[in-house]
Amino acid sequence: MGISGFKPSFLVGIKAVRQAHGSRLATLVGRQLTGFALVRFVEDGDWFADCPVVMDFDGLQVEICHSKLDELSIGWNAIDTAATITGWEWFEFTPQWSHDDERLEPFAGQELREVALLEWRPADHDLAAGTVAVEFAFTEGCLRIVNGLDENRIEVGAAQPDYVRHRLGR
């Protein structure tokens, strides 16, 4: 993708994600969301949801990226959002890091109260069953980075009832 420092390590399933990242995600509790970054196209401002969502919690950066129908990569302090995204000269649009997003902006400056992994388990089995989302509960509100079926999706507010919640830490 031409993103400086992005070396995804995709995992599948709640057990693998929790084992690899659960304790580190729990250390974010009590920290403030001090910044975030998404990749948008210069030409139209559209979010390129295939790229990671980067969130900074008082200097501890978490990088979340969903792929395919069930893969999740979580990275730590690796992506340089100040660096130019390269290798897109052939494409009609130019990707660049953006620090503006109407869904994430209300959470900037808020303290993280809880973090959880959410496992999609609908009553009627569907294509997305078993996918894992990362949920961040702040002083005022909640957001999730979920699998949008081969890309990231950001959801705000209460989670859908078909998620099984796996609280991390405290």
C-alpha atoms as a PDB file:
ATOM      1  CA  MET A   1       0.000   0.000   0.000  1.00  0.00           C
ATOM      2  CA  GLY A   2       3.021   2.287   0.168  1.00  0.00           C
ATOM      3  CA  ILE A   3       2.389   3.172   3.830  1.00  0.00           C
ATOM      4  CA  SER A   4       5.617   3.811   5.725  1.00  0.00           C
ATOM      5  CA  GLY A   5       5.972   1.278   8.560  1.00  0.00           C
ATOM      6  CA  PHE A   6       2.846  -0.729   7.733  1.00  0.00           C
ATOM      7  CA  LYS A   7       3.655  -4.425   7.950  1.00  0.00           C
ATOM      8  CA  PRO A   8       0.347  -6.129   8.698  1.00  0.00           C
ATOM      9  CA  SER A   9       0.186  -9.387  10.582  1.00  0.00           C
ATOM     10  CA  PHE A  10      -3.333 -10.656   9.988  1.00  0.00           C
ATOM     11  CA  LEU A  11      -4.985 -12.930  12.536  1.00  0.00           C
ATOM     12  CA  VAL A  12      -8.272 -14.819  12.374  1.00  0.00           C
ATOM     13  CA  GLY A  13     -10.623 -15.378  15.304  1.00  0.00           C
ATOM     14  CA  ILE A  14     -11.147 -14.024  18.777  1.00  0.00           C
ATOM     15  CA  LYS A  15      -8.689 -16.390  20.456  1.00  0.00           C
ATOM     16  CA  ALA A  16      -5.767 -15.450  18.203  1.00  0.00           C
ATOM     17  CA  VAL A  17      -6.448 -11.703  18.396  1.00  0.00           C
ATOM     18  CA  ARG A  18      -6.911 -11.737  22.171  1.00  0.00           C
ATOM     19  CA  GLN A  19      -3.776 -13.801  22.736  1.00  0.00           C
ATOM     20  CA  ALA A  20      -1.637 -11.557  20.526  1.00  0.00           C
ATOM     21  CA  HIS A  21      -3.005  -8.136  21.490  1.00  0.00           C
ATOM     22  CA  GLY A  22      -5.452  -8.343  24.414  1.00  0.00           C
ATOM     23  CA  SER A  23      -3.103  -7.326  27.213  1.00  0.00           C
ATOM     24  CA  ARG A  24      -1.543  -4.498  25.197  1.00  0.00           C
ATOM     25  CA  LEU A  25      -4.957  -3.146  24.181  1.00  0.00           C
ATOM     26  CA  ALA A  26      -5.922  -3.173  27.871  1.00  0.00           C
ATOM     27  CA  THR A  27      -2.990  -0.837  28.660  1.00  0.00           C
ATOM     28  CA  LEU A  28      -4.730   1.887  26.642  1.00  0.00           C
ATOM     29  CA  VAL A  29      -7.419   2.228  29.337  1.00  0.00           C
ATOM     30  CA  GLY A  30      -7.001   5.502  31.219  1.00  0.00           C
ATOM     31  CA  ARG A  31      -5.227   7.224  28.335  1.00  0.00           C
ATOM     32  CA  GLN A  32      -6.641  10.049  26.229  1.00  0.00           C
ATOM     33  CA  LEU A  33      -7.191   9.775  22.499  1.00  0.00           C
ATOM     34  CA  THR A  34      -4.740  12.469  21.404  1.00  0.00           C
ATOM     35  CA  GLY A  35      -4.859  11.894  17.651  1.00  0.00           C
ATOM     36  CA  PHE A  36      -5.954   9.720  14.781  1.00  0.00           C
ATOM     37  CA  ALA A  37      -5.330   9.304  11.071  1.00  0.00           C
ATOM     38  CA  LEU A  38      -7.108   7.778   8.087  1.00  0.00           C
ATOM     39  CA  VAL A  39      -6.126   7.583   4.440  1.00  0.00           C
ATOM     40  CA  ARG A  40      -8.238   9.755   2.142  1.00  0.00           C
ATOM     41  CA  PHE A  41      -7.954  10.514  -1.550  1.00  0.00           C
ATOM     42  CA  VAL A  42      -6.776  14.043  -2.343  1.00  0.00           C
ATOM     43  CA  GLU A  43      -9.071  14.397  -5.344  1.00  0.00           C
ATOM     44  CA  ASP A  44     -12.429  13.761  -3.632  1.00  0.00           C
ATOM     45  CA  GLY A  45     -11.712  13.403   0.104  1.00  0.00           C
ATOM     46  CA  ASP A  46     -13.183   9.894   0.228  1.00  0.00           C
ATOM     47  CA  TRP A  47     -11.885   7.569   2.920  1.00  0.00           C
ATOM     48  CA  PHE A  48      -9.885   4.615   1.556  1.00  0.00           C
ATOM     49  CA  ALA A  49     -11.201   2.049   4.053  1.00  0.00           C
ATOM     50  CA  ASP A  50      -8.712  -0.645   3.006  1.00  0.00           C
ATOM     51  CA  CYS A  51      -5.939   1.225   4.826  1.00  0.00           C
ATOM     52  CA  PRO A  52      -5.371   1.054   8.589  1.00  0.00           C
ATOM     53  CA  VAL A  53      -7.132   3.280  11.096  1.00  0.00           C
ATOM     54  CA  VAL A  54      -4.432   4.811  13.296  1.00  0.00           C
ATOM     55  CA  MET A  55      -5.290   6.026  16.798  1.00  0.00           C
ATOM     56  CA  ASP A  56      -2.860   7.696  19.211  1.00  0.00           C
ATOM     57  CA  PHE A  57      -3.411   7.360  22.944  1.00  0.00           C
ATOM     58  CA  ASP A  58      -0.967   9.705  24.701  1.00  0.00           C
ATOM     59  CA  GLY A  59       1.932   8.531  22.520  1.00  0.00           C
ATOM     60  CA  LEU A  60       0.929   4.880  22.239  1.00  0.00           C
ATOM     61  CA  GLN A  61      -0.251   4.343  18.676  1.00  0.00           C
ATOM     62  CA  VAL A  62      -2.535   1.452  17.729  1.00  0.00           C
ATOM     63  CA  GLU A  63      -3.050   0.611  14.034  1.00  0.00           C
ATOM     64  CA  ILE A  64      -6.138  -1.433  13.125  1.00  0.00           C
ATOM     65  CA  CYS A  65      -6.784  -2.947   9.713  1.00  0.00           C
ATOM     66  CA  HIS A  66      -9.349  -5.512   8.573  1.00  0.00           C
ATOM     67  CA  SER A  67      -8.927  -7.549   5.415  1.00  0.00           C
ATOM     68  CA  LYS A  68     -10.826 -10.258   3.583  1.00  0.00           C
ATOM     69  CA  LEU A  69     -13.882 -11.554   5.412  1.00  0.00           C
ATOM     70  CA  ASP A  70     -12.230 -12.463   8.687  1.00  0.00           C
ATOM     71  CA  GLU A  71      -8.703 -11.081   9.038  1.00  0.00           C
ATOM     72  CA  LEU A  72      -7.615  -8.429  11.532  1.00  0.00           C
ATOM     73  CA  SER A  73      -4.188  -6.849  11.917  1.00  0.00           C
ATOM     74  CA  ILE A  74      -3.303  -4.759  14.953  1.00  0.00           C
ATOM     75  CA  GLY A  75       0.003  -2.918  14.898  1.00  0.00           C
ATOM     76  CA  TRP A  76       1.781  -0.751  17.434  1.00  0.00           C
ATOM     77  CA  ASN A  77       3.817   2.433  16.914  1.00  0.00           C
ATOM     78  CA  ALA A  78       4.970   1.383  13.431  1.00  0.00           C
ATOM     79  CA  ILE A  79       3.140   3.589  10.914  1.00  0.00           C
ATOM     80  CA  ASP A  80       4.484   7.051  10.127  1.00  0.00           C
ATOM     81  CA  THR A  81       1.428   9.168   9.310  1.00  0.00           C
ATOM     82  CA  ALA A  82       3.688  12.128   8.474  1.00  0.00           C
ATOM     83  CA  ALA A  83       5.284  10.215   5.591  1.00  0.00           C
ATOM     84  CA  THR A  84       3.996  10.415   2.033  1.00  0.00           C
ATOM     85  CA  ILE A  85       2.168   7.330   0.791  1.00  0.00           C
ATOM     86  CA  THR A  86       4.092   6.054  -2.235  1.00  0.00           C
ATOM     87  CA  GLY A  87       3.612   3.728  -5.191  1.00  0.00           C
ATOM     88  CA  TRP A  88       0.282   5.058  -6.412  1.00  0.00           C
ATOM     89  CA  GLU A  89       1.497   6.914  -9.501  1.00  0.00           C
ATOM     90  CA  TRP A  90      -0.380   4.469 -11.751  1.00  0.00           C
ATOM     91  CA  PHE A  91      -3.708   5.071  -9.985  1.00  0.00           C
ATOM     92  CA  GLU A  92      -6.172   7.852 -10.809  1.00  0.00           C
ATOM     93  CA  PHE A  93      -6.393   8.992  -7.181  1.00  0.00           C
ATOM     94  CA  THR A  94      -3.714  10.121  -4.724  1.00  0.00           C
ATOM     95  CA  PRO A  95      -3.921   8.746  -1.161  1.00  0.00           C
ATOM     96  CA  GLN A  96      -2.724  10.815   1.778  1.00  0.00           C
ATOM     97  CA  TRP A  97      -3.046  10.768   5.547  1.00  0.00           C
ATOM     98  CA  SER A  98      -5.892  12.823   6.984  1.00  0.00           C
ATOM     99  CA  HIS A  99      -6.447  13.827  10.603  1.00  0.00           C
ATOM    100  CA  ASP A 100     -10.062  14.839  10.017  1.00  0.00           C
ATOM    101  CA  ASP A 101     -13.026  12.531  10.483  1.00  0.00           C
ATOM    102  CA  GLU A 102     -16.476  13.423  11.768  1.00  0.00           C
ATOM    103  CA  ARG A 103     -16.899  10.028  13.481  1.00  0.00           C
ATOM    104  CA  LEU A 104     -13.574  10.128  15.350  1.00  0.00           C
ATOM    105  CA  GLU A 105     -13.274  13.852  16.148  1.00  0.00           C
ATOM    106  CA  PRO A 106     -15.812  13.815  19.035  1.00  0.00           C
ATOM    107  CA  PHE A 107     -13.593  11.313  20.875  1.00  0.00           C
ATOM    108  CA  ALA A 108     -10.364  13.331  20.591  1.00  0.00           C
ATOM    109  CA  GLY A 109      -9.268  14.468  24.038  1.00  0.00           C
ATOM    110  CA  GLN A 110     -11.491  11.962  25.835  1.00  0.00           C
ATOM    111  CA  GLU A 111     -10.197   9.351  28.243  1.00  0.00           C
ATOM    112  CA  LEU A 112     -10.569   5.711  27.255  1.00  0.00           C
ATOM    113  CA  ARG A 113     -12.655   3.963  29.922  1.00  0.00           C
ATOM    114  CA  GLU A 114     -12.728   0.434  28.477  1.00  0.00           C
ATOM    115  CA  VAL A 115     -11.561  -1.591  25.511  1.00  0.00           C
ATOM    116  CA  ALA A 116     -13.098  -4.834  24.263  1.00  0.00           C
ATOM    117  CA  LEU A 117     -12.941  -7.255  21.389  1.00  0.00           C
ATOM    118  CA  LEU A 118     -16.305  -7.962  19.817  1.00  0.00           C
ATOM    119  CA  GLU A 119     -17.032 -11.237  18.053  1.00  0.00           C
ATOM    120  CA  TRP A 120     -19.821 -11.236  15.486  1.00  0.00           C
ATOM    121  CA  ARG A 121     -22.162 -14.140  16.358  1.00  0.00           C
ATOM    122  CA  PRO A 122     -25.574 -13.628  14.717  1.00  0.00           C
ATOM    123  CA  ALA A 123     -28.482 -15.987  15.505  1.00  0.00           C
ATOM    124  CA  ASP A 124     -28.629 -16.945  11.842  1.00  0.00           C
ATOM    125  CA  HIS A 125     -25.121 -17.786  10.658  1.00  0.00           C
ATOM    126  CA  ASP A 126     -23.936 -15.353   7.998  1.00  0.00           C
ATOM    127  CA  LEU A 127     -20.812 -14.648   5.970  1.00  0.00           C
ATOM    128  CA  ALA A 128     -19.361 -12.375   8.665  1.00  0.00           C
ATOM    129  CA  ALA A 129     -19.808 -14.806  11.594  1.00  0.00           C
ATOM    130  CA  GLY A 130     -16.681 -14.931  13.737  1.00  0.00           C
ATOM    131  CA  THR A 131     -15.226 -11.603  12.610  1.00  0.00           C
ATOM    132  CA  VAL A 132     -13.585  -9.549  15.339  1.00  0.00           C
ATOM    133  CA  ALA A 133     -14.030  -5.819  15.978  1.00  0.00           C
ATOM    134  CA  VAL A 134     -12.162  -3.565  18.385  1.00  0.00           C
ATOM    135  CA  GLU A 135     -14.357  -1.409  20.625  1.00  0.00           C
ATOM    136  CA  PHE A 136     -13.242   1.722  22.465  1.00  0.00           C
ATOM    137  CA  ALA A 137     -15.540   3.085  25.217  1.00  0.00           C
ATOM    138  CA  PHE A 138     -14.760   6.669  26.185  1.00  0.00           C
ATOM    139  CA  THR A 139     -16.025   9.017  28.864  1.00  0.00           C
ATOM    140  CA  GLU A 140     -18.741  10.129  26.455  1.00  0.00           C
ATOM    141  CA  GLY A 141     -19.571   7.509  23.879  1.00  0.00           C
ATOM    142  CA  CYS A 142     -18.235   4.456  22.160  1.00  0.00           C
ATOM    143  CA  LEU A 143     -16.691   3.616  18.800  1.00  0.00           C
ATOM    144  CA  ARG A 144     -15.725   0.427  17.026  1.00  0.00           C
ATOM    145  CA  ILE A 145     -13.418  -0.454  14.159  1.00  0.00           C
ATOM    146  CA  VAL A 146     -15.186  -3.405  12.528  1.00  0.00           C
ATOM    147  CA  ASN A 147     -14.770  -5.637   9.502  1.00  0.00           C
ATOM    148  CA  GLY A 148     -16.798  -4.096   6.679  1.00  0.00           C
ATOM    149  CA  LEU A 149     -16.358  -7.297   4.635  1.00  0.00           C
ATOM    150  CA  ASP A 150     -12.841  -6.800   3.248  1.00  0.00           C
ATOM    151  CA  GLU A 151     -12.273  -3.295   4.604  1.00  0.00           C
ATOM    152  CA  ASN A 152     -12.539  -1.254   7.779  1.00  0.00           C
ATOM    153  CA  ARG A 153     -15.744   0.337   8.945  1.00  0.00           C
ATOM    154  CA  ILE A 154     -16.150   2.788  11.826  1.00  0.00           C
ATOM    155  CA  GLU A 155     -19.267   2.509  13.967  1.00  0.00           C
ATOM    156  CA  VAL A 156     -20.307   4.904  16.727  1.00  0.00           C
ATOM    157  CA  GLY A 157     -22.810   4.335  19.530  1.00  0.00           C
ATOM    158  CA  ALA A 158     -24.133   1.102  20.968  1.00  0.00           C
ATOM    159  CA  ALA A 159     -22.936  -2.124  19.374  1.00  0.00           C
ATOM    160  CA  GLN A 160     -25.377  -4.372  17.557  1.00  0.00           C
ATOM    161  CA  PRO A 161     -26.750  -7.132  19.816  1.00  0.00           C
ATOM    162  CA  ASP A 162     -25.255  -9.892  17.635  1.00  0.00           C
ATOM    163  CA  TYR A 163     -21.785  -9.105  18.987  1.00  0.00           C
ATOM    164  CA  VAL A 164     -20.370 -11.171  21.850  1.00  0.00           C
ATOM    165  CA  ARG A 165     -18.330  -8.800  23.965  1.00  0.00           C
ATOM    166  CA  HIS A 166     -14.901  -9.800  25.330  1.00  0.00           C
ATOM    167  CA  ARG A 167     -13.821  -7.100  27.781  1.00  0.00           C
ATOM    168  CA  LEU A 168     -10.070  -6.612  28.122  1.00  0.00           C
ATOM    169  CA  GLY A 169      -8.162  -5.680  31.265  1.00  0.00           C
ATOM    170  CA  ARG A 170      -9.415  -4.103  34.440  1.00  0.00           C
END
